[in-house]
Amino acid sequence: MSITEKNTLKIRTVLNNLIGNVTAKTLFTGYGLYYKSNMFGVYQSDIFYLRAKNHLAEYLENKGAVRWVSSDHRSRLMISSYYQLPLAITQNPLLYQKVIIESIQQIQDEKLSENLKKINRIKGLPNLTIKYERLLSKVNITNVQELKTIGAVNSYVRLKKNGFLVNINFFWNLFAALQNRSANMLTDNEKSAALKILNVALANAGLRQIKTNNPEK
């Protein structure tokens, strides 16, 4: 048994009886308590602190939980969402289990939200980079959903109308990205059909059309 396992055996035994599979890792102060990859608690000086935010934090405070305040200013920000639970919770196994599970659910929801944000980044699409993302943001296209809604044709036209120097390769990269494909995989027929639509949109916007005899340029 490691030192960490030995020093957290008491609290891990309690928590394992409630939710199972709790592990511990050494932190800057005390020990982090994990369920799978989710750190839901901190154990320091034989006191367990549960991570809680928003409505769960309000609920715990109403029950008498005390926010953990560290004397170490370097760690204060990181531990501000951890609470020492009152006996009204820790002596009620069902309630104790409930708040821990809700804490873990909050962490999982936050991770999911962060992953969705990453997925919604324009630079995460095939062919596109941070340069595309920054350029599109200048015409109020800030995420994948907005790009899909506006479409490659209208996005390209919007950039042109606002004076940005984008070429046809920029359009092919947008067009293919919205199909989750590499621009190199577009066929000549696909390019010809898309170029006709693009030229109509350019003409309607009073912009110069692109020659159709060579869609590569």
C-alpha atoms as a PDB file:
ATOM      1  CA  MET A   1       0.000   0.000   0.000  1.00  0.00           C
ATOM      2  CA  SER A   2       1.406   3.390  -1.013  1.00  0.00           C
ATOM      3  CA  ILE A   3       1.627   6.380   1.329  1.00  0.00           C
ATOM      4  CA  THR A   4      -1.246   8.045  -0.524  1.00  0.00           C
ATOM      5  CA  GLU A   5      -3.413   4.944  -0.223  1.00  0.00           C
ATOM      6  CA  LYS A   6      -2.548   4.601   3.459  1.00  0.00           C
ATOM      7  CA  ASN A   7      -3.261   8.252   4.285  1.00  0.00           C
ATOM      8  CA  THR A   8      -6.615   8.209   2.476  1.00  0.00           C
ATOM      9  CA  LEU A   9      -7.749   4.726   3.487  1.00  0.00           C
ATOM     10  CA  LYS A  10     -10.300   5.994   6.002  1.00  0.00           C
ATOM     11  CA  ILE A  11     -12.150   8.336   3.643  1.00  0.00           C
ATOM     12  CA  ARG A  12     -11.842   5.999   0.665  1.00  0.00           C
ATOM     13  CA  THR A  13     -13.443   3.219   2.685  1.00  0.00           C
ATOM     14  CA  VAL A  14     -16.400   5.475   3.467  1.00  0.00           C
ATOM     15  CA  LEU A  15     -16.733   6.665  -0.117  1.00  0.00           C
ATOM     16  CA  ASN A  16     -16.284   3.216  -1.620  1.00  0.00           C
ATOM     17  CA  ASN A  17     -19.246   2.038   0.427  1.00  0.00           C
ATOM     18  CA  LEU A  18     -21.285   4.846  -1.134  1.00  0.00           C
ATOM     19  CA  ILE A  19     -20.187   4.925  -4.785  1.00  0.00           C
ATOM     20  CA  GLY A  20     -17.312   2.438  -5.181  1.00  0.00           C
ATOM     21  CA  ASN A  21     -14.016   2.670  -7.113  1.00  0.00           C
ATOM     22  CA  VAL A  22     -12.641   5.791  -5.411  1.00  0.00           C
ATOM     23  CA  THR A  23      -8.942   6.486  -5.901  1.00  0.00           C
ATOM     24  CA  ALA A  24      -6.622   9.155  -4.529  1.00  0.00           C
ATOM     25  CA  LYS A  25      -3.753  11.246  -5.858  1.00  0.00           C
ATOM     26  CA  THR A  26      -1.394  13.631  -4.110  1.00  0.00           C
ATOM     27  CA  LEU A  27      -2.174  17.317  -4.695  1.00  0.00           C
ATOM     28  CA  PHE A  28      -0.458  20.621  -3.924  1.00  0.00           C
ATOM     29  CA  THR A  29      -2.264  20.375  -0.601  1.00  0.00           C
ATOM     30  CA  GLY A  30      -3.814  17.168   0.656  1.00  0.00           C
ATOM     31  CA  TYR A  31      -5.171  14.509  -1.688  1.00  0.00           C
ATOM     32  CA  GLY A  32      -7.527  14.537  -4.626  1.00  0.00           C
ATOM     33  CA  LEU A  33     -10.309  11.946  -4.566  1.00  0.00           C
ATOM     34  CA  TYR A  34     -11.424  10.543  -7.901  1.00  0.00           C
ATOM     35  CA  TYR A  35     -14.248   8.514  -9.314  1.00  0.00           C
ATOM     36  CA  LYS A  36     -12.825   7.263 -12.600  1.00  0.00           C
ATOM     37  CA  SER A  37     -11.206  10.406 -14.055  1.00  0.00           C
ATOM     38  CA  ASN A  38     -13.392  12.854 -12.143  1.00  0.00           C
ATOM     39  CA  MET A  39     -11.898  14.601  -9.123  1.00  0.00           C
ATOM     40  CA  PHE A  40     -14.933  15.204  -6.939  1.00  0.00           C
ATOM     41  CA  GLY A  41     -13.258  15.741  -3.588  1.00  0.00           C
ATOM     42  CA  VAL A  42     -10.219  16.817  -1.615  1.00  0.00           C
ATOM     43  CA  TYR A  43      -8.984  15.231   1.592  1.00  0.00           C
ATOM     44  CA  GLN A  44      -6.817  17.316   3.891  1.00  0.00           C
ATOM     45  CA  SER A  45      -6.037  16.934   7.592  1.00  0.00           C
ATOM     46  CA  ASP A  46      -8.645  14.158   7.900  1.00  0.00           C
ATOM     47  CA  ILE A  47     -11.381  16.395   6.470  1.00  0.00           C
ATOM     48  CA  PHE A  48     -13.269  15.595   3.271  1.00  0.00           C
ATOM     49  CA  TYR A  49     -14.305  18.449   0.980  1.00  0.00           C
ATOM     50  CA  LEU A  50     -16.811  17.867  -1.823  1.00  0.00           C
ATOM     51  CA  ARG A  51     -16.659  19.760  -5.101  1.00  0.00           C
ATOM     52  CA  ALA A  52     -19.877  21.667  -5.802  1.00  0.00           C
ATOM     53  CA  LYS A  53     -21.013  24.542  -7.992  1.00  0.00           C
ATOM     54  CA  ASN A  54     -24.183  26.483  -8.720  1.00  0.00           C
ATOM     55  CA  HIS A  55     -27.360  24.852  -7.375  1.00  0.00           C
ATOM     56  CA  LEU A  56     -25.479  22.041  -5.616  1.00  0.00           C
ATOM     57  CA  ALA A  57     -23.259  24.559  -3.833  1.00  0.00           C
ATOM     58  CA  GLU A  58     -26.334  26.530  -2.754  1.00  0.00           C
ATOM     59  CA  TYR A  59     -27.993  23.362  -1.505  1.00  0.00           C
ATOM     60  CA  LEU A  60     -24.930  22.372   0.531  1.00  0.00           C
ATOM     61  CA  GLU A  61     -24.597  25.838   2.023  1.00  0.00           C
ATOM     62  CA  ASN A  62     -28.256  25.765   3.042  1.00  0.00           C
ATOM     63  CA  LYS A  63     -27.564  22.456   4.766  1.00  0.00           C
ATOM     64  CA  GLY A  64     -24.679  24.005   6.689  1.00  0.00           C
ATOM     65  CA  ALA A  65     -21.709  23.064   4.503  1.00  0.00           C
ATOM     66  CA  VAL A  66     -18.640  25.277   4.860  1.00  0.00           C
ATOM     67  CA  ARG A  67     -16.606  26.425   1.888  1.00  0.00           C
ATOM     68  CA  TRP A  68     -12.952  25.437   2.060  1.00  0.00           C
ATOM     69  CA  VAL A  69     -10.757  28.523   2.404  1.00  0.00           C
ATOM     70  CA  SER A  70      -7.016  27.987   2.224  1.00  0.00           C
ATOM     71  CA  SER A  71      -4.391  30.225   3.767  1.00  0.00           C
ATOM     72  CA  ASP A  72      -2.298  29.593   0.653  1.00  0.00           C
ATOM     73  CA  HIS A  73      -3.212  32.392  -1.779  1.00  0.00           C
ATOM     74  CA  ARG A  74      -1.803  30.344  -4.674  1.00  0.00           C
ATOM     75  CA  SER A  75      -4.381  27.608  -4.201  1.00  0.00           C
ATOM     76  CA  ARG A  76      -7.373  29.696  -3.118  1.00  0.00           C
ATOM     77  CA  LEU A  77      -8.849  29.976  -6.600  1.00  0.00           C
ATOM     78  CA  MET A  78      -8.570  26.255  -7.283  1.00  0.00           C
ATOM     79  CA  ILE A  79     -10.297  25.130  -4.086  1.00  0.00           C
ATOM     80  CA  SER A  80     -13.058  27.711  -3.837  1.00  0.00           C
ATOM     81  CA  SER A  81     -15.630  25.186  -5.073  1.00  0.00           C
ATOM     82  CA  TYR A  82     -15.026  22.594  -2.347  1.00  0.00           C
ATOM     83  CA  TYR A  83     -17.143  22.232   0.783  1.00  0.00           C
ATOM     84  CA  GLN A  84     -16.824  20.512   4.139  1.00  0.00           C
ATOM     85  CA  LEU A  85     -20.088  18.655   4.583  1.00  0.00           C
ATOM     86  CA  PRO A  86     -22.193  18.888   7.756  1.00  0.00           C
ATOM     87  CA  LEU A  87     -23.167  15.879   9.865  1.00  0.00           C
ATOM     88  CA  ALA A  88     -26.720  16.211   8.547  1.00  0.00           C
ATOM     89  CA  ILE A  89     -25.345  14.909   5.253  1.00  0.00           C
ATOM     90  CA  THR A  90     -22.461  12.646   6.249  1.00  0.00           C
ATOM     91  CA  GLN A  91     -24.583  10.761   8.782  1.00  0.00           C
ATOM     92  CA  ASN A  92     -27.308  10.160   6.205  1.00  0.00           C
ATOM     93  CA  PRO A  93     -25.895   7.551   3.771  1.00  0.00           C
ATOM     94  CA  LEU A  94     -28.553   8.074   1.099  1.00  0.00           C
ATOM     95  CA  LEU A  95     -28.169  11.856   1.142  1.00  0.00           C
ATOM     96  CA  TYR A  96     -24.374  11.568   1.312  1.00  0.00           C
ATOM     97  CA  GLN A  97     -24.412   9.311  -1.732  1.00  0.00           C
ATOM     98  CA  LYS A  98     -26.819  11.613  -3.568  1.00  0.00           C
ATOM     99  CA  VAL A  99     -24.701  14.765  -3.251  1.00  0.00           C
ATOM    100  CA  ILE A 100     -21.531  12.923  -4.256  1.00  0.00           C
ATOM    101  CA  ILE A 101     -23.199  11.502  -7.353  1.00  0.00           C
ATOM    102  CA  GLU A 102     -24.522  14.951  -8.239  1.00  0.00           C
ATOM    103  CA  SER A 103     -21.040  16.412  -7.817  1.00  0.00           C
ATOM    104  CA  ILE A 104     -19.622  13.821 -10.201  1.00  0.00           C
ATOM    105  CA  GLN A 105     -22.437  14.513 -12.656  1.00  0.00           C
ATOM    106  CA  GLN A 106     -21.578  18.221 -12.594  1.00  0.00           C
ATOM    107  CA  ILE A 107     -17.985  17.419 -13.499  1.00  0.00           C
ATOM    108  CA  GLN A 108     -19.055  15.132 -16.333  1.00  0.00           C
ATOM    109  CA  ASP A 109     -21.456  17.775 -17.662  1.00  0.00           C
ATOM    110  CA  GLU A 110     -18.683  20.387 -17.610  1.00  0.00           C
ATOM    111  CA  LYS A 111     -16.351  18.074 -19.519  1.00  0.00           C
ATOM    112  CA  LEU A 112     -19.055  17.375 -22.086  1.00  0.00           C
ATOM    113  CA  SER A 113     -19.694  21.095 -22.493  1.00  0.00           C
ATOM    114  CA  GLU A 114     -15.994  21.752 -23.039  1.00  0.00           C
ATOM    115  CA  ASN A 115     -15.773  18.947 -25.593  1.00  0.00           C
ATOM    116  CA  LEU A 116     -18.773  20.322 -27.468  1.00  0.00           C
ATOM    117  CA  LYS A 117     -17.138  23.742 -27.553  1.00  0.00           C
ATOM    118  CA  LYS A 118     -14.030  22.204 -29.074  1.00  0.00           C
ATOM    119  CA  ILE A 119     -16.101  20.318 -31.626  1.00  0.00           C
ATOM    120  CA  ASN A 120     -17.855  23.571 -32.525  1.00  0.00           C
ATOM    121  CA  ARG A 121     -14.573  25.325 -33.284  1.00  0.00           C
ATOM    122  CA  ILE A 122     -14.188  26.104 -36.988  1.00  0.00           C
ATOM    123  CA  LYS A 123     -10.507  25.242 -36.891  1.00  0.00           C
ATOM    124  CA  GLY A 124     -11.481  21.690 -35.954  1.00  0.00           C
ATOM    125  CA  LEU A 125     -13.057  21.035 -39.356  1.00  0.00           C
ATOM    126  CA  PRO A 126     -11.104  19.334 -42.166  1.00  0.00           C
ATOM    127  CA  ASN A 127      -8.978  21.717 -44.281  1.00  0.00           C
ATOM    128  CA  LEU A 128      -9.505  24.634 -41.901  1.00  0.00           C
ATOM    129  CA  THR A 129      -7.064  26.252 -39.480  1.00  0.00           C
ATOM    130  CA  ILE A 130      -7.055  29.035 -36.931  1.00  0.00           C
ATOM    131  CA  LYS A 131      -6.502  31.484 -39.823  1.00  0.00           C
ATOM    132  CA  TYR A 132      -9.848  30.488 -41.332  1.00  0.00           C
ATOM    133  CA  GLU A 133     -11.519  30.747 -37.946  1.00  0.00           C
ATOM    134  CA  ARG A 134     -10.161  34.242 -37.308  1.00  0.00           C
ATOM    135  CA  LEU A 135     -11.013  35.479 -40.786  1.00  0.00           C
ATOM    136  CA  LEU A 136     -14.578  34.173 -40.642  1.00  0.00           C
ATOM    137  CA  SER A 137     -15.051  35.703 -37.203  1.00  0.00           C
ATOM    138  CA  LYS A 138     -14.461  39.114 -38.785  1.00  0.00           C
ATOM    139  CA  VAL A 139     -17.726  38.656 -40.695  1.00  0.00           C
ATOM    140  CA  ASN A 140     -19.584  37.311 -37.651  1.00  0.00           C
ATOM    141  CA  ILE A 141     -19.202  33.610 -38.399  1.00  0.00           C
ATOM    142  CA  THR A 142     -17.807  32.355 -35.127  1.00  0.00           C
ATOM    143  CA  ASN A 143     -18.544  28.635 -34.888  1.00  0.00           C
ATOM    144  CA  VAL A 144     -19.325  25.511 -36.892  1.00  0.00           C
ATOM    145  CA  GLN A 145     -23.078  25.820 -36.458  1.00  0.00           C
ATOM    146  CA  GLU A 146     -23.085  29.354 -37.846  1.00  0.00           C
ATOM    147  CA  LEU A 147     -20.868  28.266 -40.734  1.00  0.00           C
ATOM    148  CA  LYS A 148     -23.229  25.389 -41.543  1.00  0.00           C
ATOM    149  CA  THR A 149     -26.264  27.669 -41.356  1.00  0.00           C
ATOM    150  CA  ILE A 150     -24.748  30.310 -43.639  1.00  0.00           C
ATOM    151  CA  GLY A 151     -23.057  27.812 -45.934  1.00  0.00           C
ATOM    152  CA  ALA A 152     -19.801  27.893 -47.857  1.00  0.00           C
ATOM    153  CA  VAL A 153     -21.185  29.997 -50.723  1.00  0.00           C
ATOM    154  CA  ASN A 154     -22.665  32.765 -48.600  1.00  0.00           C
ATOM    155  CA  SER A 155     -19.679  32.759 -46.246  1.00  0.00           C
ATOM    156  CA  TYR A 156     -17.335  33.260 -49.177  1.00  0.00           C
ATOM    157  CA  VAL A 157     -19.526  36.010 -50.639  1.00  0.00           C
ATOM    158  CA  ARG A 158     -19.723  37.737 -47.259  1.00  0.00           C
ATOM    159  CA  LEU A 159     -15.937  37.790 -47.022  1.00  0.00           C
ATOM    160  CA  LYS A 160     -15.626  39.162 -50.554  1.00  0.00           C
ATOM    161  CA  LYS A 161     -18.211  41.872 -49.915  1.00  0.00           C
ATOM    162  CA  ASN A 162     -16.269  42.975 -46.868  1.00  0.00           C
ATOM    163  CA  GLY A 163     -13.086  43.343 -48.876  1.00  0.00           C
ATOM    164  CA  PHE A 164     -11.186  40.280 -47.707  1.00  0.00           C
ATOM    165  CA  LEU A 165      -8.812  38.755 -50.252  1.00  0.00           C
ATOM    166  CA  VAL A 166      -9.906  35.128 -50.419  1.00  0.00           C
ATOM    167  CA  ASN A 167      -9.355  32.925 -53.450  1.00  0.00           C
ATOM    168  CA  ILE A 168     -11.177  29.939 -54.880  1.00  0.00           C
ATOM    169  CA  ASN A 169      -9.045  27.498 -52.883  1.00  0.00           C
ATOM    170  CA  PHE A 170     -10.419  29.127 -49.751  1.00  0.00           C
ATOM    171  CA  PHE A 171     -13.897  28.338 -51.030  1.00  0.00           C
ATOM    172  CA  TRP A 172     -13.049  24.711 -51.829  1.00  0.00           C
ATOM    173  CA  ASN A 173     -11.690  24.243 -48.335  1.00  0.00           C
ATOM    174  CA  LEU A 174     -14.895  25.653 -46.839  1.00  0.00           C
ATOM    175  CA  PHE A 175     -17.104  23.676 -49.199  1.00  0.00           C
ATOM    176  CA  ALA A 176     -15.373  20.366 -48.435  1.00  0.00           C
ATOM    177  CA  ALA A 177     -15.066  21.083 -44.706  1.00  0.00           C
ATOM    178  CA  LEU A 178     -18.838  21.317 -44.369  1.00  0.00           C
ATOM    179  CA  GLN A 179     -19.026  17.825 -45.853  1.00  0.00           C
ATOM    180  CA  ASN A 180     -16.332  16.618 -43.462  1.00  0.00           C
ATOM    181  CA  ARG A 181     -14.058  15.884 -46.412  1.00  0.00           C
ATOM    182  CA  SER A 182     -10.642  16.826 -47.667  1.00  0.00           C
ATOM    183  CA  ALA A 183     -10.747  19.446 -50.411  1.00  0.00           C
ATOM    184  CA  ASN A 184      -8.472  17.181 -52.450  1.00  0.00           C
ATOM    185  CA  MET A 185     -11.280  14.626 -52.646  1.00  0.00           C
ATOM    186  CA  LEU A 186     -13.691  16.928 -54.490  1.00  0.00           C
ATOM    187  CA  THR A 187     -14.403  15.750 -58.021  1.00  0.00           C
ATOM    188  CA  ASP A 188     -14.414  17.976 -61.105  1.00  0.00           C
ATOM    189  CA  ASN A 189     -18.175  17.532 -61.407  1.00  0.00           C
ATOM    190  CA  GLU A 190     -18.694  18.600 -57.797  1.00  0.00           C
ATOM    191  CA  LYS A 191     -16.511  21.644 -58.300  1.00  0.00           C
ATOM    192  CA  SER A 192     -18.251  22.646 -61.525  1.00  0.00           C
ATOM    193  CA  ALA A 193     -21.687  22.405 -59.915  1.00  0.00           C
ATOM    194  CA  ALA A 194     -20.589  24.312 -56.817  1.00  0.00           C
ATOM    195  CA  LEU A 195     -18.855  26.977 -58.876  1.00  0.00           C
ATOM    196  CA  LYS A 196     -22.028  27.690 -60.846  1.00  0.00           C
ATOM    197  CA  ILE A 197     -23.904  28.278 -57.593  1.00  0.00           C
ATOM    198  CA  LEU A 198     -21.082  30.442 -56.265  1.00  0.00           C
ATOM    199  CA  ASN A 199     -21.006  32.580 -59.402  1.00  0.00           C
ATOM    200  CA  VAL A 200     -24.738  33.219 -59.201  1.00  0.00           C
ATOM    201  CA  ALA A 201     -24.317  34.367 -55.602  1.00  0.00           C
ATOM    202  CA  LEU A 202     -21.340  36.560 -56.528  1.00  0.00           C
ATOM    203  CA  ALA A 203     -23.284  38.155 -59.381  1.00  0.00           C
ATOM    204  CA  ASN A 204     -26.286  38.806 -57.146  1.00  0.00           C
ATOM    205  CA  ALA A 205     -23.961  40.529 -54.693  1.00  0.00           C
ATOM    206  CA  GLY A 206     -22.486  42.687 -57.450  1.00  0.00           C
ATOM    207  CA  LEU A 207     -19.139  40.927 -57.279  1.00  0.00           C
ATOM    208  CA  ARG A 208     -16.896  39.619 -60.011  1.00  0.00           C
ATOM    209  CA  GLN A 209     -17.575  36.038 -61.034  1.00  0.00           C
ATOM    210  CA  ILE A 210     -14.942  33.320 -61.186  1.00  0.00           C
ATOM    211  CA  LYS A 211     -14.067  31.845 -64.569  1.00  0.00           C
ATOM    212  CA  THR A 212     -15.608  28.414 -64.963  1.00  0.00           C
ATOM    213  CA  ASN A 213     -13.144  26.960 -67.453  1.00  0.00           C
ATOM    214  CA  ASN A 214     -10.681  26.112 -64.694  1.00  0.00           C
ATOM    215  CA  PRO A 215     -12.273  25.688 -61.249  1.00  0.00           C
ATOM    216  CA  GLU A 216      -8.883  25.086 -59.657  1.00  0.00           C
ATOM    217  CA  LYS A 217      -7.886  28.756 -59.898  1.00  0.00           C
END
